[in-house]
């Protein structure tokens, strides 16, 4: 499967130890990522913020984010 097969991926529980690393890896590949989580703790919070993909919007009790990560 080639990287170009995926243009957009939505992740849930993005603040988790595995999912935030997956979001960062997808970001590095130039894929558009959206996701949500109810809380994002360290170190995921600072790592996502450093990459510019920390959730920017809160909807109800969930933080939902949509960020165009295409370079």
C-alpha atoms as a PDB file:
ATOM      1  CA  UNK A   1       0.000   0.000   0.000  1.00  0.00           C
ATOM      2  CA  UNK A   2       1.416   3.357  -0.994  1.00  0.00           C
ATOM      3  CA  UNK A   3       1.270   6.508   1.111  1.00  0.00           C
ATOM      4  CA  UNK A   4      -0.814   8.203  -1.577  1.00  0.00           C
ATOM      5  CA  UNK A   5      -3.642   5.746  -0.913  1.00  0.00           C
ATOM      6  CA  UNK A   6      -4.663   7.790   2.144  1.00  0.00           C
ATOM      7  CA  UNK A   7      -5.499  11.474   1.872  1.00  0.00           C
ATOM      8  CA  UNK A   8      -7.333  11.860   5.190  1.00  0.00           C
ATOM      9  CA  UNK A   9      -7.402   9.800   8.366  1.00  0.00           C
ATOM     10  CA  UNK A  10      -9.567  10.376  11.451  1.00  0.00           C
ATOM     11  CA  UNK A  11      -8.247   9.145  14.798  1.00  0.00           C
ATOM     12  CA  UNK A  12     -10.090   8.696  18.088  1.00  0.00           C
ATOM     13  CA  UNK A  13      -8.417   8.777  21.512  1.00  0.00           C
ATOM     14  CA  UNK A  14      -5.701  10.895  19.948  1.00  0.00           C
ATOM     15  CA  UNK A  15      -4.218  11.881  23.303  1.00  0.00           C
ATOM     16  CA  UNK A  16      -3.214   8.300  24.017  1.00  0.00           C
ATOM     17  CA  UNK A  17       0.369   7.097  23.996  1.00  0.00           C
ATOM     18  CA  UNK A  18      -0.002   5.184  20.741  1.00  0.00           C
ATOM     19  CA  UNK A  19      -2.515   7.341  18.887  1.00  0.00           C
ATOM     20  CA  UNK A  20      -0.641  10.617  19.314  1.00  0.00           C
ATOM     21  CA  UNK A  21       2.487   8.950  17.942  1.00  0.00           C
ATOM     22  CA  UNK A  22       0.456   7.691  15.003  1.00  0.00           C
ATOM     23  CA  UNK A  23      -0.888  11.226  14.407  1.00  0.00           C
ATOM     24  CA  UNK A  24       2.684  12.550  14.408  1.00  0.00           C
ATOM     25  CA  UNK A  25       3.852   9.853  11.996  1.00  0.00           C
ATOM     26  CA  UNK A  26       0.952  10.571   9.630  1.00  0.00           C
ATOM     27  CA  UNK A  27       1.736  14.285   9.895  1.00  0.00           C
ATOM     28  CA  UNK A  28       5.310  13.559   8.849  1.00  0.00           C
ATOM     29  CA  UNK A  29       3.951  11.728   5.806  1.00  0.00           C
ATOM     30  CA  UNK A  30       1.881  14.784   4.772  1.00  0.00           C
ATOM     31  CA  UNK A  31      -1.497  13.161   5.430  1.00  0.00           C
ATOM     32  CA  UNK A  32      -4.483  15.228   6.590  1.00  0.00           C
ATOM     33  CA  UNK A  33      -5.393  14.079  10.091  1.00  0.00           C
ATOM     34  CA  UNK A  34      -8.505  14.773  12.127  1.00  0.00           C
ATOM     35  CA  UNK A  35      -9.212  13.396  15.551  1.00  0.00           C
ATOM     36  CA  UNK A  36     -10.766  13.742  18.970  1.00  0.00           C
ATOM     37  CA  UNK A  37     -10.180  12.966  22.609  1.00  0.00           C
ATOM     38  CA  UNK A  38     -11.722  14.047  25.901  1.00  0.00           C
ATOM     39  CA  UNK A  39      -8.354  14.884  27.518  1.00  0.00           C
ATOM     40  CA  UNK A  40      -4.800  15.159  26.285  1.00  0.00           C
ATOM     41  CA  UNK A  41      -2.049  14.881  28.877  1.00  0.00           C
ATOM     42  CA  UNK A  42       1.719  15.182  28.793  1.00  0.00           C
ATOM     43  CA  UNK A  43       3.829  14.225  26.961  1.00  0.00           C
ATOM     44  CA  UNK A  44       1.289  13.881  24.142  1.00  0.00           C
ATOM     45  CA  UNK A  45       0.056  17.452  24.626  1.00  0.00           C
ATOM     46  CA  UNK A  46       3.444  19.106  24.193  1.00  0.00           C
ATOM     47  CA  UNK A  47       4.480  16.800  21.345  1.00  0.00           C
ATOM     48  CA  UNK A  48       1.295  17.500  19.388  1.00  0.00           C
ATOM     49  CA  UNK A  49       1.626  21.227  20.132  1.00  0.00           C
ATOM     50  CA  UNK A  50       5.246  21.240  18.922  1.00  0.00           C
ATOM     51  CA  UNK A  51       4.082  19.695  15.643  1.00  0.00           C
ATOM     52  CA  UNK A  52       1.285  22.256  15.366  1.00  0.00           C
ATOM     53  CA  UNK A  53      -1.503  19.692  15.560  1.00  0.00           C
ATOM     54  CA  UNK A  54      -2.905  20.137  19.053  1.00  0.00           C
ATOM     55  CA  UNK A  55      -6.724  20.176  19.110  1.00  0.00           C
ATOM     56  CA  UNK A  56      -7.914  23.724  18.570  1.00  0.00           C
ATOM     57  CA  UNK A  57     -11.644  23.427  19.176  1.00  0.00           C
ATOM     58  CA  UNK A  58     -13.798  22.093  21.984  1.00  0.00           C
ATOM     59  CA  UNK A  59     -17.260  20.765  21.196  1.00  0.00           C
ATOM     60  CA  UNK A  60     -19.262  19.745  24.238  1.00  0.00           C
ATOM     61  CA  UNK A  61     -17.068  17.647  26.493  1.00  0.00           C
ATOM     62  CA  UNK A  62     -14.794  16.481  23.682  1.00  0.00           C
ATOM     63  CA  UNK A  63     -11.872  18.234  22.041  1.00  0.00           C
ATOM     64  CA  UNK A  64     -12.285  17.844  18.313  1.00  0.00           C
ATOM     65  CA  UNK A  65      -9.659  18.926  15.885  1.00  0.00           C
ATOM     66  CA  UNK A  66      -9.384  19.255  12.180  1.00  0.00           C
ATOM     67  CA  UNK A  67      -6.005  20.303  10.916  1.00  0.00           C
ATOM     68  CA  UNK A  68      -4.802  20.289   7.346  1.00  0.00           C
ATOM     69  CA  UNK A  69      -1.386  18.705   7.709  1.00  0.00           C
ATOM     70  CA  UNK A  70      -0.461  18.711   4.058  1.00  0.00           C
ATOM     71  CA  UNK A  71       2.975  20.330   3.642  1.00  0.00           C
END
